[in-house]
PDB file of N, CA and C in Angstrom:
ATOM      1  N   MET A   1      13.208  33.781 -26.954  1.00  0.00           N
ATOM      2  CA  MET A   1      12.148  34.667 -27.410  1.00  0.00           C
ATOM      3  C   MET A   1      11.025  33.803 -27.974  1.00  0.00           C
ATOM      4  N   CYS A   2       9.788  34.209 -27.680  1.00  0.00           N
ATOM      5  CA  CYS A   2       8.612  33.461 -28.125  1.00  0.00           C
ATOM      6  C   CYS A   2       7.625  34.396 -28.816  1.00  0.00           C
ATOM      7  N   ARG A   3       6.902  33.834 -29.761  1.00  0.00           N
ATOM      8  CA  ARG A   3       5.758  34.537 -30.347  1.00  0.00           C
ATOM      9  C   ARG A   3       4.521  33.900 -29.735  1.00  0.00           C
ATOM     10  N   ALA A   4       3.701  34.705 -29.095  1.00  0.00           N
ATOM     11  CA  ALA A   4       2.459  34.229 -28.493  1.00  0.00           C
ATOM     12  C   ALA A   4       1.301  34.836 -29.253  1.00  0.00           C
ATOM     13  N   GLU A   5       0.314  34.007 -29.575  1.00  0.00           N
ATOM     14  CA  GLU A   5      -0.849  34.466 -30.327  1.00  0.00           C
ATOM     15  C   GLU A   5      -2.114  33.981 -29.641  1.00  0.00           C
ATOM     16  N   ILE A   6      -3.014  34.903 -29.389  1.00  0.00           N
ATOM     17  CA  ILE A   6      -4.306  34.588 -28.769  1.00  0.00           C
ATOM     18  C   ILE A   6      -5.394  34.900 -29.776  1.00  0.00           C
ATOM     19  N   ILE A   7      -6.291  33.948 -29.966  1.00  0.00           N
ATOM     20  CA  ILE A   7      -7.469  34.158 -30.797  1.00  0.00           C
ATOM     21  C   ILE A   7      -8.665  33.778 -29.940  1.00  0.00           C
ATOM     22  N   ALA A   8      -9.655  34.673 -29.882  1.00  0.00           N
ATOM     23  CA  ALA A   8     -10.827  34.423 -29.041  1.00  0.00           C
ATOM     24  C   ALA A   8     -11.987  35.305 -29.483  1.00  0.00           C
ATOM     25  N   ASN A   9     -13.154  35.017 -28.948  1.00  0.00           N
ATOM     26  CA  ASN A   9     -14.344  35.813 -29.210  1.00  0.00           C
ATOM     27  C   ASN A   9     -14.131  37.232 -28.702  1.00  0.00           C
ATOM     28  N   ARG A  10     -14.639  38.217 -29.441  1.00  0.00           N
ATOM     29  CA  ARG A  10     -14.467  39.624 -29.044  1.00  0.00           C
ATOM     30  C   ARG A  10     -15.062  39.927 -27.679  1.00  0.00           C
ATOM     31  N   SER A  11     -15.983  39.109 -27.218  1.00  0.00           N
ATOM     32  CA  SER A  11     -16.615  39.360 -25.915  1.00  0.00           C
ATOM     33  C   SER A  11     -15.625  39.306 -24.753  1.00  0.00           C
ATOM     34  N   VAL A  12     -14.464  38.677 -24.941  1.00  0.00           N
ATOM     35  CA  VAL A  12     -13.469  38.591 -23.863  1.00  0.00           C
ATOM     36  C   VAL A  12     -12.228  39.442 -24.140  1.00  0.00           C
ATOM     37  N   GLN A  13     -12.259  40.230 -25.195  1.00  0.00           N
ATOM     38  CA  GLN A  13     -11.087  41.018 -25.588  1.00  0.00           C
ATOM     39  C   GLN A  13     -10.634  41.970 -24.483  1.00  0.00           C
ATOM     40  N   GLU A  14     -11.539  42.763 -23.960  1.00  0.00           N
ATOM     41  CA  GLU A  14     -11.164  43.742 -22.934  1.00  0.00           C
ATOM     42  C   GLU A  14     -10.604  43.048 -21.694  1.00  0.00           C
ATOM     43  N   GLU A  15     -11.261  41.996 -21.272  1.00  0.00           N
ATOM     44  CA  GLU A  15     -10.799  41.241 -20.103  1.00  0.00           C
ATOM     45  C   GLU A  15      -9.395  40.679 -20.337  1.00  0.00           C
ATOM     46  N   MET A  16      -9.159  40.136 -21.518  1.00  0.00           N
ATOM     47  CA  MET A  16      -7.863  39.532 -21.843  1.00  0.00           C
ATOM     48  C   MET A  16      -6.759  40.589 -21.831  1.00  0.00           C
ATOM     49  N   VAL A  17      -6.988  41.701 -22.493  1.00  0.00           N
ATOM     50  CA  VAL A  17      -5.979  42.755 -22.573  1.00  0.00           C
ATOM     51  C   VAL A  17      -5.673  43.311 -21.185  1.00  0.00           C
ATOM     52  N   GLU A  18      -6.699  43.576 -20.400  1.00  0.00           N
ATOM     53  CA  GLU A  18      -6.479  44.100 -19.045  1.00  0.00           C
ATOM     54  C   GLU A  18      -5.679  43.128 -18.189  1.00  0.00           C
ATOM     55  N   ALA A  19      -5.999  41.847 -18.280  1.00  0.00           N
ATOM     56  CA  ALA A  19      -5.286  40.841 -17.481  1.00  0.00           C
ATOM     57  C   ALA A  19      -3.823  40.734 -17.910  1.00  0.00           C
ATOM     58  N   LEU A  20      -3.570  40.741 -19.198  1.00  0.00           N
ATOM     59  CA  LEU A  20      -2.184  40.662 -19.680  1.00  0.00           C
ATOM     60  C   LEU A  20      -1.397  41.891 -19.254  1.00  0.00           C
ATOM     61  N   GLU A  21      -1.972  43.079 -19.411  1.00  0.00           N
ATOM     62  CA  GLU A  21      -1.267  44.298 -19.023  1.00  0.00           C
ATOM     63  C   GLU A  21      -1.033  44.371 -17.517  1.00  0.00           C
ATOM     64  N   SER A  22      -1.951  43.834 -16.748  1.00  0.00           N
ATOM     65  CA  SER A  22      -1.818  43.837 -15.294  1.00  0.00           C
ATOM     66  C   SER A  22      -0.752  42.845 -14.819  1.00  0.00           C
ATOM     67  N   ASP A  23      -0.744  41.652 -15.413  1.00  0.00           N
ATOM     68  CA  ASP A  23       0.142  40.583 -14.933  1.00  0.00           C
ATOM     69  C   ASP A  23       1.511  40.561 -15.605  1.00  0.00           C
ATOM     70  N   ILE A  24       1.636  41.227 -16.750  1.00  0.00           N
ATOM     71  CA  ILE A  24       2.921  41.288 -17.443  1.00  0.00           C
ATOM     72  C   ILE A  24       3.223  42.766 -17.717  1.00  0.00           C
ATOM     73  N   PRO A  25       3.714  43.480 -16.713  1.00  0.00           N
ATOM     74  CA  PRO A  25       3.967  44.919 -16.871  1.00  0.00           C
ATOM     75  C   PRO A  25       4.882  45.197 -18.072  1.00  0.00           C
ATOM     76  N   GLY A  26       4.511  46.177 -18.846  1.00  0.00           N
ATOM     77  CA  GLY A  26       5.325  46.559 -19.997  1.00  0.00           C
ATOM     78  C   GLY A  26       5.159  45.683 -21.220  1.00  0.00           C
ATOM     79  N   ILE A  27       4.203  44.745 -21.210  1.00  0.00           N
ATOM     80  CA  ILE A  27       4.013  43.877 -22.368  1.00  0.00           C
ATOM     81  C   ILE A  27       3.692  44.722 -23.607  1.00  0.00           C
ATOM     82  N   LEU A  28       4.315  44.365 -24.697  1.00  0.00           N
ATOM     83  CA  LEU A  28       4.063  45.014 -25.981  1.00  0.00           C
ATOM     84  C   LEU A  28       3.345  44.002 -26.860  1.00  0.00           C
ATOM     85  N   TYR A  29       2.304  44.430 -27.538  1.00  0.00           N
ATOM     86  CA  TYR A  29       1.511  43.499 -28.333  1.00  0.00           C
ATOM     87  C   TYR A  29       0.858  44.222 -29.494  1.00  0.00           C
ATOM     88  N   THR A  30       0.368  43.451 -30.434  1.00  0.00           N
ATOM     89  CA  THR A  30      -0.441  43.964 -31.536  1.00  0.00           C
ATOM     90  C   THR A  30      -1.805  43.334 -31.422  1.00  0.00           C
ATOM     91  N   LEU A  31      -2.841  44.146 -31.579  1.00  0.00           N
ATOM     92  CA  LEU A  31      -4.215  43.686 -31.458  1.00  0.00           C
ATOM     93  C   LEU A  31      -4.935  43.905 -32.783  1.00  0.00           C
ATOM     94  N   ILE A  32      -5.512  42.846 -33.298  1.00  0.00           N
ATOM     95  CA  ILE A  32      -6.349  42.927 -34.489  1.00  0.00           C
ATOM     96  C   ILE A  32      -7.778  42.690 -33.996  1.00  0.00           C
ATOM     97  N   PRO A  33      -8.606  43.738 -33.933  1.00  0.00           N
ATOM     98  CA  PRO A  33      -9.890  43.638 -33.252  1.00  0.00           C
ATOM     99  C   PRO A  33     -11.005  42.897 -33.990  1.00  0.00           C
ATOM    100  N   ASP A  34     -11.012  42.903 -35.297  1.00  0.00           N
ATOM    101  CA  ASP A  34     -12.109  42.274 -36.049  1.00  0.00           C
ATOM    102  C   ASP A  34     -11.572  41.153 -36.920  1.00  0.00           C
ATOM    103  N   VAL A  35     -11.617  39.939 -36.394  1.00  0.00           N
ATOM    104  CA  VAL A  35     -11.072  38.783 -37.102  1.00  0.00           C
ATOM    105  C   VAL A  35     -12.210  37.838 -37.449  1.00  0.00           C
ATOM    106  N   GLN A  36     -12.309  37.512 -38.731  1.00  0.00           N
ATOM    107  CA  GLN A  36     -13.314  36.566 -39.199  1.00  0.00           C
ATOM    108  C   GLN A  36     -12.694  35.188 -39.321  1.00  0.00           C
ATOM    109  N   GLY A  37     -13.539  34.152 -39.213  1.00  0.00           N
ATOM    110  CA  GLY A  37     -13.021  32.804 -39.388  1.00  0.00           C
ATOM    111  C   GLY A  37     -14.051  31.751 -39.051  1.00  0.00           C
ATOM    112  N   ARG A  38     -13.570  30.538 -39.055  1.00  0.00           N
ATOM    113  CA  ARG A  38     -14.415  29.392 -38.736  1.00  0.00           C
ATOM    114  C   ARG A  38     -13.682  28.524 -37.722  1.00  0.00           C
ATOM    115  N   GLY A  39     -14.358  28.231 -36.631  1.00  0.00           N
ATOM    116  CA  GLY A  39     -13.787  27.378 -35.604  1.00  0.00           C
ATOM    117  C   GLY A  39     -14.501  26.039 -35.568  1.00  0.00           C
ATOM    118  N   GLU A  40     -14.270  25.304 -34.496  1.00  0.00           N
ATOM    119  CA  GLU A  40     -14.884  23.984 -34.350  1.00  0.00           C
ATOM    120  C   GLU A  40     -16.399  24.048 -34.227  1.00  0.00           C
ATOM    121  N   GLU A  41     -16.892  25.087 -33.567  1.00  0.00           N
ATOM    122  CA  GLU A  41     -18.323  25.183 -33.274  1.00  0.00           C
ATOM    123  C   GLU A  41     -19.120  25.959 -34.316  1.00  0.00           C
ATOM    124  N   ASP A  42     -18.576  27.098 -34.762  1.00  0.00           N
ATOM    125  CA  ASP A  42     -19.347  27.944 -35.674  1.00  0.00           C
ATOM    126  C   ASP A  42     -18.437  28.910 -36.412  1.00  0.00           C
ATOM    127  N   ARG A  43     -19.056  29.776 -37.164  1.00  0.00           N
ATOM    128  CA  ARG A  43     -18.332  30.786 -37.935  1.00  0.00           C
ATOM    129  C   ARG A  43     -18.433  32.146 -37.245  1.00  0.00           C
ATOM    130  N   LYS A  44     -17.431  32.973 -37.481  1.00  0.00           N
ATOM    131  CA  LYS A  44     -17.404  34.350 -36.995  1.00  0.00           C
ATOM    132  C   LYS A  44     -17.175  35.223 -38.225  1.00  0.00           C
ATOM    133  N   ARG A  45     -18.219  35.880 -38.690  1.00  0.00           N
ATOM    134  CA  ARG A  45     -18.108  36.655 -39.922  1.00  0.00           C
ATOM    135  C   ARG A  45     -18.559  38.103 -39.776  1.00  0.00           C
ATOM    136  N   GLY A  46     -19.225  38.454 -38.676  1.00  0.00           N
ATOM    137  CA  GLY A  46     -19.714  39.818 -38.502  1.00  0.00           C
ATOM    138  C   GLY A  46     -20.853  40.159 -39.443  1.00  0.00           C
ATOM    139  N   THR A  47     -21.646  39.149 -39.829  1.00  0.00           N
ATOM    140  CA  THR A  47     -22.779  39.363 -40.724  1.00  0.00           C
ATOM    141  C   THR A  47     -24.076  39.072 -39.986  1.00  0.00           C
ATOM    142  N   VAL A  48     -25.199  39.272 -40.647  1.00  0.00           N
ATOM    143  CA  VAL A  48     -26.488  38.970 -40.040  1.00  0.00           C
ATOM    144  C   VAL A  48     -26.583  37.467 -39.741  1.00  0.00           C
ATOM    145  N   THR A  49     -26.111  36.648 -40.658  1.00  0.00           N
ATOM    146  CA  THR A  49     -26.176  35.195 -40.470  1.00  0.00           C
ATOM    147  C   THR A  49     -25.190  34.712 -39.416  1.00  0.00           C
ATOM    148  N   TRP A  50     -23.975  35.222 -39.456  1.00  0.00           N
ATOM    149  CA  TRP A  50     -22.922  34.849 -38.506  1.00  0.00           C
ATOM    150  C   TRP A  50     -22.417  36.129 -37.845  1.00  0.00           C
ATOM    151  N   PRO A  51     -23.123  36.652 -36.830  1.00  0.00           N
ATOM    152  CA  PRO A  51     -22.863  37.999 -36.321  1.00  0.00           C
ATOM    153  C   PRO A  51     -21.604  38.196 -35.474  1.00  0.00           C
ATOM    154  N   GLU A  52     -21.072  37.168 -34.892  1.00  0.00           N
ATOM    155  CA  GLU A  52     -19.952  37.367 -33.977  1.00  0.00           C
ATOM    156  C   GLU A  52     -18.635  37.552 -34.728  1.00  0.00           C
ATOM    157  N   LEU A  53     -17.661  38.110 -34.020  1.00  0.00           N
ATOM    158  CA  LEU A  53     -16.301  38.268 -34.531  1.00  0.00           C
ATOM    159  C   LEU A  53     -15.311  37.824 -33.468  1.00  0.00           C
ATOM    160  N   ASN A  54     -14.124  37.461 -33.889  1.00  0.00           N
ATOM    161  CA  ASN A  54     -13.024  37.163 -32.989  1.00  0.00           C
ATOM    162  C   ASN A  54     -12.077  38.347 -32.959  1.00  0.00           C
ATOM    163  N   PHE A  55     -11.082  38.260 -32.092  1.00  0.00           N
ATOM    164  CA  PHE A  55      -9.955  39.182 -32.123  1.00  0.00           C
ATOM    165  C   PHE A  55      -8.687  38.339 -32.106  1.00  0.00           C
ATOM    166  N   CYS A  56      -7.595  38.940 -32.490  1.00  0.00           N
ATOM    167  CA  CYS A  56      -6.299  38.267 -32.446  1.00  0.00           C
ATOM    168  C   CYS A  56      -5.313  39.217 -31.779  1.00  0.00           C
ATOM    169  N   LEU A  57      -4.558  38.699 -30.848  1.00  0.00           N
ATOM    170  CA  LEU A  57      -3.528  39.471 -30.170  1.00  0.00           C
ATOM    171  C   LEU A  57      -2.236  38.686 -30.292  1.00  0.00           C
ATOM    172  N   PHE A  58      -1.171  39.330 -30.729  1.00  0.00           N
ATOM    173  CA  PHE A  58       0.110  38.633 -30.713  1.00  0.00           C
ATOM    174  C   PHE A  58       1.182  39.497 -30.095  1.00  0.00           C
ATOM    175  N   ALA A  59       2.141  38.820 -29.490  1.00  0.00           N
ATOM    176  CA  ALA A  59       3.223  39.497 -28.785  1.00  0.00           C
ATOM    177  C   ALA A  59       4.482  38.659 -28.883  1.00  0.00           C
ATOM    178  N   TYR A  60       5.616  39.327 -28.891  1.00  0.00           N
ATOM    179  CA  TYR A  60       6.908  38.651 -28.812  1.00  0.00           C
ATOM    180  C   TYR A  60       7.408  38.851 -27.390  1.00  0.00           C
ATOM    181  N   VAL A  61       7.603  37.738 -26.693  1.00  0.00           N
ATOM    182  CA  VAL A  61       7.907  37.792 -25.259  1.00  0.00           C
ATOM    183  C   VAL A  61       9.037  36.825 -24.912  1.00  0.00           C
ATOM    184  N   GLU A  62       9.643  37.071 -23.779  1.00  0.00           N
ATOM    185  CA  GLU A  62      10.652  36.144 -23.253  1.00  0.00           C
ATOM    186  C   GLU A  62       9.955  34.889 -22.719  1.00  0.00           C
ATOM    187  N   ASP A  63      10.712  33.831 -22.524  1.00  0.00           N
ATOM    188  CA  ASP A  63      10.144  32.558 -22.070  1.00  0.00           C
ATOM    189  C   ASP A  63       9.342  32.704 -20.776  1.00  0.00           C
ATOM    190  N   LYS A  64       9.865  33.482 -19.833  1.00  0.00           N
ATOM    191  CA  LYS A  64       9.178  33.686 -18.547  1.00  0.00           C
ATOM    192  C   LYS A  64       7.818  34.357 -18.764  1.00  0.00           C
ATOM    193  N   GLU A  65       7.774  35.346 -19.656  1.00  0.00           N
ATOM    194  CA  GLU A  65       6.514  36.029 -19.953  1.00  0.00           C
ATOM    195  C   GLU A  65       5.545  35.110 -20.687  1.00  0.00           C
ATOM    196  N   ALA A  66       6.073  34.218 -21.514  1.00  0.00           N
ATOM    197  CA  ALA A  66       5.217  33.249 -22.217  1.00  0.00           C
ATOM    198  C   ALA A  66       4.524  32.341 -21.205  1.00  0.00           C
ATOM    199  N   ALA A  67       5.253  31.937 -20.185  1.00  0.00           N
ATOM    200  CA  ALA A  67       4.664  31.099 -19.133  1.00  0.00           C
ATOM    201  C   ALA A  67       3.565  31.864 -18.400  1.00  0.00           C
ATOM    202  N   GLU A  68       3.785  33.144 -18.165  1.00  0.00           N
ATOM    203  CA  GLU A  68       2.772  33.967 -17.496  1.00  0.00           C
ATOM    204  C   GLU A  68       1.549  34.143 -18.392  1.00  0.00           C
ATOM    205  N   MET A  69       1.765  34.277 -19.699  1.00  0.00           N
ATOM    206  CA  MET A  69       0.636  34.371 -20.627  1.00  0.00           C
ATOM    207  C   MET A  69      -0.201  33.093 -20.575  1.00  0.00           C
ATOM    208  N   ARG A  70       0.458  31.941 -20.513  1.00  0.00           N
ATOM    209  CA  ARG A  70      -0.271  30.664 -20.396  1.00  0.00           C
ATOM    210  C   ARG A  70      -1.174  30.675 -19.161  1.00  0.00           C
ATOM    211  N   ARG A  71      -0.621  31.154 -18.060  1.00  0.00           N
ATOM    212  CA  ARG A  71      -1.377  31.185 -16.810  1.00  0.00           C
ATOM    213  C   ARG A  71      -2.579  32.136 -16.913  1.00  0.00           C
ATOM    214  N   VAL A  72      -2.343  33.326 -17.443  1.00  0.00           N
ATOM    215  CA  VAL A  72      -3.416  34.324 -17.575  1.00  0.00           C
ATOM    216  C   VAL A  72      -4.526  33.802 -18.481  1.00  0.00           C
ATOM    217  N   VAL A  73      -4.152  33.269 -19.628  1.00  0.00           N
ATOM    218  CA  VAL A  73      -5.146  32.751 -20.581  1.00  0.00           C
ATOM    219  C   VAL A  73      -5.912  31.586 -19.976  1.00  0.00           C
ATOM    220  N   ALA A  74      -5.237  30.706 -19.246  1.00  0.00           N
ATOM    221  CA  ALA A  74      -5.912  29.570 -18.618  1.00  0.00           C
ATOM    222  C   ALA A  74      -6.970  30.044 -17.616  1.00  0.00           C
ATOM    223  N   LEU A  75      -6.661  31.085 -16.859  1.00  0.00           N
ATOM    224  CA  LEU A  75      -7.633  31.615 -15.891  1.00  0.00           C
ATOM    225  C   LEU A  75      -8.854  32.201 -16.596  1.00  0.00           C
ATOM    226  N   ILE A  76      -8.621  32.948 -17.651  1.00  0.00           N
ATOM    227  CA  ILE A  76      -9.749  33.541 -18.389  1.00  0.00           C
ATOM    228  C   ILE A  76     -10.562  32.446 -19.075  1.00  0.00           C
ATOM    229  N   LYS A  77      -9.880  31.432 -19.579  1.00  0.00           N
ATOM    230  CA  LYS A  77     -10.566  30.300 -20.214  1.00  0.00           C
ATOM    231  C   LYS A  77     -11.478  29.578 -19.223  1.00  0.00           C
ATOM    232  N   GLN A  78     -11.055  29.466 -17.971  1.00  0.00           N
ATOM    233  CA  GLN A  78     -11.889  28.848 -16.942  1.00  0.00           C
ATOM    234  C   GLN A  78     -13.153  29.659 -16.712  1.00  0.00           C
ATOM    235  N   ARG A  79     -13.035  30.982 -16.737  1.00  0.00           N
ATOM    236  CA  ARG A  79     -14.183  31.853 -16.503  1.00  0.00           C
ATOM    237  C   ARG A  79     -15.125  31.908 -17.691  1.00  0.00           C
ATOM    238  N   PHE A  80     -14.573  31.741 -18.892  1.00  0.00           N
ATOM    239  CA  PHE A  80     -15.361  31.833 -20.117  1.00  0.00           C
ATOM    240  C   PHE A  80     -15.086  30.621 -21.009  1.00  0.00           C
ATOM    241  N   PRO A  81     -15.561  29.453 -20.621  1.00  0.00           N
ATOM    242  CA  PRO A  81     -15.204  28.221 -21.342  1.00  0.00           C
ATOM    243  C   PRO A  81     -15.814  28.094 -22.736  1.00  0.00           C
ATOM    244  N   ASN A  82     -16.796  28.888 -23.071  1.00  0.00           N
ATOM    245  CA  ASN A  82     -17.470  28.756 -24.369  1.00  0.00           C
ATOM    246  C   ASN A  82     -17.109  29.850 -25.364  1.00  0.00           C
ATOM    247  N   GLU A  83     -16.020  30.570 -25.136  1.00  0.00           N
ATOM    248  CA  GLU A  83     -15.660  31.696 -25.999  1.00  0.00           C
ATOM    249  C   GLU A  83     -14.539  31.374 -26.981  1.00  0.00           C
ATOM    250  N   GLY A  84     -14.208  30.107 -27.136  1.00  0.00           N
ATOM    251  CA  GLY A  84     -13.236  29.700 -28.149  1.00  0.00           C
ATOM    252  C   GLY A  84     -11.853  30.291 -27.968  1.00  0.00           C
ATOM    253  N   ILE A  85     -11.411  30.441 -26.740  1.00  0.00           N
ATOM    254  CA  ILE A  85     -10.113  31.055 -26.459  1.00  0.00           C
ATOM    255  C   ILE A  85      -8.995  30.074 -26.782  1.00  0.00           C
ATOM    256  N   LYS A  86      -8.102  30.496 -27.667  1.00  0.00           N
ATOM    257  CA  LYS A  86      -6.953  29.668 -28.054  1.00  0.00           C
ATOM    258  C   LYS A  86      -5.676  30.468 -27.888  1.00  0.00           C
ATOM    259  N   LEU A  87      -4.643  29.804 -27.408  1.00  0.00           N
ATOM    260  CA  LEU A  87      -3.324  30.404 -27.249  1.00  0.00           C
ATOM    261  C   LEU A  87      -2.317  29.523 -27.970  1.00  0.00           C
ATOM    262  N   PHE A  88      -1.500  30.147 -28.806  1.00  0.00           N
ATOM    263  CA  PHE A  88      -0.437  29.442 -29.515  1.00  0.00           C
ATOM    264  C   PHE A  88       0.870  30.134 -29.177  1.00  0.00           C
ATOM    265  N   ILE A  89       1.868  29.352 -28.794  1.00  0.00           N
ATOM    266  CA  ILE A  89       3.170  29.917 -28.460  1.00  0.00           C
ATOM    267  C   ILE A  89       4.255  29.145 -29.214  1.00  0.00           C
ATOM    268  N   LEU A  90       5.102  29.884 -29.926  1.00  0.00           N
ATOM    269  CA  LEU A  90       6.242  29.314 -30.633  1.00  0.00           C
ATOM    270  C   LEU A  90       7.500  29.993 -30.099  1.00  0.00           C
ATOM    271  N   CYS A  91       8.452  29.188 -29.632  1.00  0.00           N
ATOM    272  CA  CYS A  91       9.673  29.737 -29.070  1.00  0.00           C
ATOM    273  C   CYS A  91      10.876  29.317 -29.900  1.00  0.00           C
ATOM    274  N   SER A  92      11.821  30.240 -30.033  1.00  0.00           N
ATOM    275  CA  SER A  92      13.054  29.920 -30.757  1.00  0.00           C
ATOM    276  C   SER A  92      14.044  29.291 -29.768  1.00  0.00           C
ATOM    277  N   ARG A  93      14.957  28.556 -30.293  1.00  0.00           N
ATOM    278  CA  ARG A  93      15.959  27.898 -29.442  1.00  0.00           C
ATOM    279  C   ARG A  93      17.275  28.651 -29.435  1.00  0.00           C
ATOM    280  N   ASP A  94      17.308  29.814 -30.038  1.00  0.00           N
ATOM    281  CA  ASP A  94      18.552  30.601 -30.092  1.00  0.00           C
ATOM    282  C   ASP A  94      18.784  31.351 -28.825  1.00  0.00           C
TER     283      ASP A  94
END
């Protein structure tokens, strides 16, 4: 079992969710739509000074589904290289 977490600019949220649901049928996830923070390039605060926001999506998936998530995220990252898309996956050994 793995915990997969995606953090990215809100501009790719719909695309990411649709791709995951299409390529991993039955995927269950939690979506946090308005995430503030600071990345390597800039800040995301949803204010006049820093207007953009991120989203966070996390899911608990089997190893095979985690591999598919890597593939899906990599494809979206290729299409949108400047949107700060990050994927973190932690798997248990049990």
